[in-house]
Amino acid sequence: MAAAEFAAAYIALFTAHHAADYLAQGDRMSARKAGWTEQGADGKPIPHSGWGANQLHAATHSVAELLALGLLAAVFHLPLPVWGVTGAVLWIHLTHSLIDRRWPVRAWMCRTGAAGFVQRGGMPLVDQSMHLVFGLFPAALLIAGGAS
């Protein structure tokens, strides 16, 4: 039965991920979550870490995941394990925060021979792949492992 919980959890997390990344994230948050620099009144650059926007975005994911998993549990009367769901949501929060700093994506691409793909605009595709592979897949395993 754990395979069914894994599949259901993965679909719910996948749906929540897309809702949080594309429906709930505006241009401002997207531009600021990895840090940004603005020009001060004196003309000098003022760097910002971007961690506030980053954590707000990751929290949006956490809320979307909890809603999707709660809906899944309610509609299908699926008893999802509290510790598995908690671990999954925390794992996605952490991995999403790190991946969205953008440097891990760029580093991965440059170290795997895909630096040219960076120049051709491929970072968003690799970013999404990293979220699915390193975030959602292990999170669904955590949920399914606690359900067995």
C-alpha atoms as a PDB file:
ATOM      1  CA  MET A   1       0.000   0.000   0.000  1.00  0.00           C
ATOM      2  CA  ALA A   2       2.959   2.358   0.500  1.00  0.00           C
ATOM      3  CA  ALA A   3       3.341   2.659  -3.290  1.00  0.00           C
ATOM      4  CA  ALA A   4      -0.169   4.124  -3.526  1.00  0.00           C
ATOM      5  CA  GLU A   5       0.608   6.643  -0.766  1.00  0.00           C
ATOM      6  CA  PHE A   6       3.857   7.556  -2.538  1.00  0.00           C
ATOM      7  CA  ALA A   7       2.086   8.145  -5.872  1.00  0.00           C
ATOM      8  CA  ALA A   8      -0.749  10.123  -4.283  1.00  0.00           C
ATOM      9  CA  ALA A   9       1.644  12.207  -2.178  1.00  0.00           C
ATOM     10  CA  TYR A  10       3.898  12.910  -5.157  1.00  0.00           C
ATOM     11  CA  ILE A  11       0.994  14.095  -7.294  1.00  0.00           C
ATOM     12  CA  ALA A  12      -0.275  16.322  -4.464  1.00  0.00           C
ATOM     13  CA  LEU A  13       3.214  17.767  -3.880  1.00  0.00           C
ATOM     14  CA  PHE A  14       3.754  18.244  -7.631  1.00  0.00           C
ATOM     15  CA  THR A  15       0.466  20.136  -7.908  1.00  0.00           C
ATOM     16  CA  ALA A  16       1.241  22.267  -4.843  1.00  0.00           C
ATOM     17  CA  HIS A  17       4.721  23.007  -6.203  1.00  0.00           C
ATOM     18  CA  HIS A  18       3.321  24.358  -9.457  1.00  0.00           C
ATOM     19  CA  ALA A  19       0.643  26.371  -7.671  1.00  0.00           C
ATOM     20  CA  ALA A  20       3.239  28.004  -5.404  1.00  0.00           C
ATOM     21  CA  ASP A  21       5.881  28.545  -8.100  1.00  0.00           C
ATOM     22  CA  TYR A  22       3.639  29.789 -10.910  1.00  0.00           C
ATOM     23  CA  LEU A  23       0.273  30.907  -9.538  1.00  0.00           C
ATOM     24  CA  ALA A  24       1.346  32.436  -6.223  1.00  0.00           C
ATOM     25  CA  GLN A  25       4.768  33.885  -7.103  1.00  0.00           C
ATOM     26  CA  GLY A  26       4.958  37.322  -8.641  1.00  0.00           C
ATOM     27  CA  ASP A  27       7.802  38.965 -10.517  1.00  0.00           C
ATOM     28  CA  ARG A  28       8.985  40.902  -7.463  1.00  0.00           C
ATOM     29  CA  MET A  29       9.414  37.783  -5.312  1.00  0.00           C
ATOM     30  CA  SER A  30      11.055  35.916  -8.163  1.00  0.00           C
ATOM     31  CA  ALA A  31      13.521  38.733  -8.740  1.00  0.00           C
ATOM     32  CA  ARG A  32      14.399  39.125  -5.052  1.00  0.00           C
ATOM     33  CA  LYS A  33      14.530  35.592  -3.603  1.00  0.00           C
ATOM     34  CA  ALA A  34      18.164  35.065  -4.644  1.00  0.00           C
ATOM     35  CA  GLY A  35      19.287  38.531  -3.546  1.00  0.00           C
ATOM     36  CA  TRP A  36      19.396  41.819  -5.414  1.00  0.00           C
ATOM     37  CA  THR A  37      21.129  45.166  -5.504  1.00  0.00           C
ATOM     38  CA  GLU A  38      19.512  48.572  -5.729  1.00  0.00           C
ATOM     39  CA  GLN A  39      20.959  52.020  -6.127  1.00  0.00           C
ATOM     40  CA  GLY A  40      20.984  54.177  -3.019  1.00  0.00           C
ATOM     41  CA  ALA A  41      20.188  57.902  -2.919  1.00  0.00           C
ATOM     42  CA  ASP A  42      23.911  58.585  -3.013  1.00  0.00           C
ATOM     43  CA  GLY A  43      24.307  56.487  -6.167  1.00  0.00           C
ATOM     44  CA  LYS A  44      26.128  53.668  -4.350  1.00  0.00           C
ATOM     45  CA  PRO A  45      24.862  50.100  -4.727  1.00  0.00           C
ATOM     46  CA  ILE A  46      22.988  48.632  -1.778  1.00  0.00           C
ATOM     47  CA  PRO A  47      23.096  44.814  -1.785  1.00  0.00           C
ATOM     48  CA  HIS A  48      20.230  42.849  -0.240  1.00  0.00           C
ATOM     49  CA  SER A  49      20.516  39.211   0.790  1.00  0.00           C
ATOM     50  CA  GLY A  50      17.061  38.243  -0.464  1.00  0.00           C
ATOM     51  CA  TRP A  51      16.515  35.798   2.387  1.00  0.00           C
ATOM     52  CA  GLY A  52      13.228  37.431   3.408  1.00  0.00           C
ATOM     53  CA  ALA A  53      11.716  36.985  -0.058  1.00  0.00           C
ATOM     54  CA  ASN A  54      13.266  33.528  -0.266  1.00  0.00           C
ATOM     55  CA  GLN A  55      11.699  32.367   2.994  1.00  0.00           C
ATOM     56  CA  LEU A  56       8.334  33.908   2.143  1.00  0.00           C
ATOM     57  CA  HIS A  57       8.371  31.997  -1.140  1.00  0.00           C
ATOM     58  CA  ALA A  58       9.363  28.751   0.603  1.00  0.00           C
ATOM     59  CA  ALA A  59       6.592  29.308   3.171  1.00  0.00           C
ATOM     60  CA  THR A  60       4.123  29.717   0.303  1.00  0.00           C
ATOM     61  CA  HIS A  61       5.210  26.266  -0.844  1.00  0.00           C
ATOM     62  CA  SER A  62       4.736  24.849   2.652  1.00  0.00           C
ATOM     63  CA  VAL A  63       1.185  26.193   2.870  1.00  0.00           C
ATOM     64  CA  ALA A  64       0.330  24.909  -0.624  1.00  0.00           C
ATOM     65  CA  GLU A  65       1.753  21.463   0.231  1.00  0.00           C
ATOM     66  CA  LEU A  66      -0.192  21.232   3.488  1.00  0.00           C
ATOM     67  CA  LEU A  67      -3.407  22.242   1.715  1.00  0.00           C
ATOM     68  CA  ALA A  68      -2.875  19.742  -1.103  1.00  0.00           C
ATOM     69  CA  LEU A  69      -1.967  16.901   1.255  1.00  0.00           C
ATOM     70  CA  GLY A  70      -4.873  17.765   3.569  1.00  0.00           C
ATOM     71  CA  LEU A  71      -7.272  17.737   0.636  1.00  0.00           C
ATOM     72  CA  LEU A  72      -5.820  14.418  -0.536  1.00  0.00           C
ATOM     73  CA  ALA A  73      -6.280  12.894   2.919  1.00  0.00           C
ATOM     74  CA  ALA A  74      -9.829  14.229   3.278  1.00  0.00           C
ATOM     75  CA  VAL A  75     -11.146  13.290  -0.160  1.00  0.00           C
ATOM     76  CA  PHE A  76      -9.645   9.793  -0.252  1.00  0.00           C
ATOM     77  CA  HIS A  77      -9.793   9.107   3.505  1.00  0.00           C
ATOM     78  CA  LEU A  78      -6.058   8.520   3.314  1.00  0.00           C
ATOM     79  CA  PRO A  79      -4.410   8.514   6.750  1.00  0.00           C
ATOM     80  CA  LEU A  80      -1.174  10.371   6.035  1.00  0.00           C
ATOM     81  CA  PRO A  81       1.449  10.106   8.790  1.00  0.00           C
ATOM     82  CA  VAL A  82       1.917  13.342  10.711  1.00  0.00           C
ATOM     83  CA  TRP A  83       5.690  12.868  11.074  1.00  0.00           C
ATOM     84  CA  GLY A  84       6.052  11.912   7.419  1.00  0.00           C
ATOM     85  CA  VAL A  85       4.115  14.977   6.269  1.00  0.00           C
ATOM     86  CA  THR A  86       6.012  17.224   8.698  1.00  0.00           C
ATOM     87  CA  GLY A  87       9.360  15.869   7.512  1.00  0.00           C
ATOM     88  CA  ALA A  88       8.329  16.178   3.868  1.00  0.00           C
ATOM     89  CA  VAL A  89       7.186  19.792   4.210  1.00  0.00           C
ATOM     90  CA  LEU A  90      10.366  20.744   6.093  1.00  0.00           C
ATOM     91  CA  TRP A  91      12.540  18.943   3.531  1.00  0.00           C
ATOM     92  CA  ILE A  92      10.890  20.746   0.627  1.00  0.00           C
ATOM     93  CA  HIS A  93      11.154  24.071   2.462  1.00  0.00           C
ATOM     94  CA  LEU A  94      14.899  23.576   2.952  1.00  0.00           C
ATOM     95  CA  THR A  95      15.674  22.273  -0.525  1.00  0.00           C
ATOM     96  CA  HIS A  96      13.454  24.848  -2.212  1.00  0.00           C
ATOM     97  CA  SER A  97      15.144  27.669  -0.284  1.00  0.00           C
ATOM     98  CA  LEU A  98      18.585  26.476  -1.286  1.00  0.00           C
ATOM     99  CA  ILE A  99      17.805  25.771  -4.955  1.00  0.00           C
ATOM    100  CA  ASP A 100      16.083  29.147  -5.340  1.00  0.00           C
ATOM    101  CA  ARG A 101      19.260  30.965  -4.319  1.00  0.00           C
ATOM    102  CA  ARG A 102      20.203  30.166  -7.955  1.00  0.00           C
ATOM    103  CA  TRP A 103      23.906  29.564  -7.315  1.00  0.00           C
ATOM    104  CA  PRO A 104      23.359  25.799  -6.798  1.00  0.00           C
ATOM    105  CA  VAL A 105      21.645  25.590 -10.194  1.00  0.00           C
ATOM    106  CA  ARG A 106      24.411  27.543 -11.931  1.00  0.00           C
ATOM    107  CA  ALA A 107      27.121  25.501 -10.164  1.00  0.00           C
ATOM    108  CA  TRP A 108      25.437  22.220 -11.143  1.00  0.00           C
ATOM    109  CA  MET A 109      25.152  23.312 -14.752  1.00  0.00           C
ATOM    110  CA  CYS A 110      28.732  24.555 -14.982  1.00  0.00           C
ATOM    111  CA  ARG A 111      30.139  21.411 -13.347  1.00  0.00           C
ATOM    112  CA  THR A 112      28.150  19.068 -15.590  1.00  0.00           C
ATOM    113  CA  GLY A 113      29.174  20.691 -18.853  1.00  0.00           C
ATOM    114  CA  ALA A 114      25.983  22.687 -19.371  1.00  0.00           C
ATOM    115  CA  ALA A 115      27.416  26.201 -19.004  1.00  0.00           C
ATOM    116  CA  GLY A 116      26.231  27.008 -22.529  1.00  0.00           C
ATOM    117  CA  PHE A 117      22.700  26.070 -21.519  1.00  0.00           C
ATOM    118  CA  VAL A 118      22.907  28.760 -18.807  1.00  0.00           C
ATOM    119  CA  GLN A 119      23.573  31.328 -21.542  1.00  0.00           C
ATOM    120  CA  ARG A 120      20.633  30.016 -23.587  1.00  0.00           C
ATOM    121  CA  GLY A 121      18.182  30.445 -20.697  1.00  0.00           C
ATOM    122  CA  GLY A 122      18.165  26.873 -19.387  1.00  0.00           C
ATOM    123  CA  MET A 123      18.448  27.680 -15.685  1.00  0.00           C
ATOM    124  CA  PRO A 124      14.662  27.659 -15.024  1.00  0.00           C
ATOM    125  CA  LEU A 125      14.400  24.159 -16.519  1.00  0.00           C
ATOM    126  CA  VAL A 126      17.244  22.808 -14.406  1.00  0.00           C
ATOM    127  CA  ASP A 127      15.816  24.652 -11.375  1.00  0.00           C
ATOM    128  CA  GLN A 128      12.492  22.850 -11.793  1.00  0.00           C
ATOM    129  CA  SER A 129      14.214  19.502 -12.333  1.00  0.00           C
ATOM    130  CA  MET A 130      16.202  19.981  -9.138  1.00  0.00           C
ATOM    131  CA  HIS A 131      13.026  20.760  -7.181  1.00  0.00           C
ATOM    132  CA  LEU A 132      11.391  17.565  -8.444  1.00  0.00           C
ATOM    133  CA  VAL A 133      14.405  15.274  -8.031  1.00  0.00           C
ATOM    134  CA  PHE A 134      15.932  16.595  -4.811  1.00  0.00           C
ATOM    135  CA  GLY A 135      12.818  18.019  -3.142  1.00  0.00           C
ATOM    136  CA  LEU A 136       9.526  16.378  -4.082  1.00  0.00           C
ATOM    137  CA  PHE A 137      10.669  12.815  -4.760  1.00  0.00           C
ATOM    138  CA  PRO A 138      12.388  12.343  -1.359  1.00  0.00           C
ATOM    139  CA  ALA A 139       9.485  14.135   0.346  1.00  0.00           C
ATOM    140  CA  ALA A 140       6.967  11.691  -1.149  1.00  0.00           C
ATOM    141  CA  LEU A 141       9.198   8.835   0.035  1.00  0.00           C
ATOM    142  CA  LEU A 142       9.129  10.288   3.564  1.00  0.00           C
ATOM    143  CA  ILE A 143       5.329  10.362   3.507  1.00  0.00           C
ATOM    144  CA  ALA A 144       4.996   6.857   2.074  1.00  0.00           C
ATOM    145  CA  GLY A 145       7.615   5.451   4.431  1.00  0.00           C
ATOM    146  CA  GLY A 146       5.661   6.736   7.414  1.00  0.00           C
ATOM    147  CA  ALA A 147       2.421   5.329   6.024  1.00  0.00           C
ATOM    148  CA  SER A 148       3.618   1.733   5.914  1.00  0.00           C
END
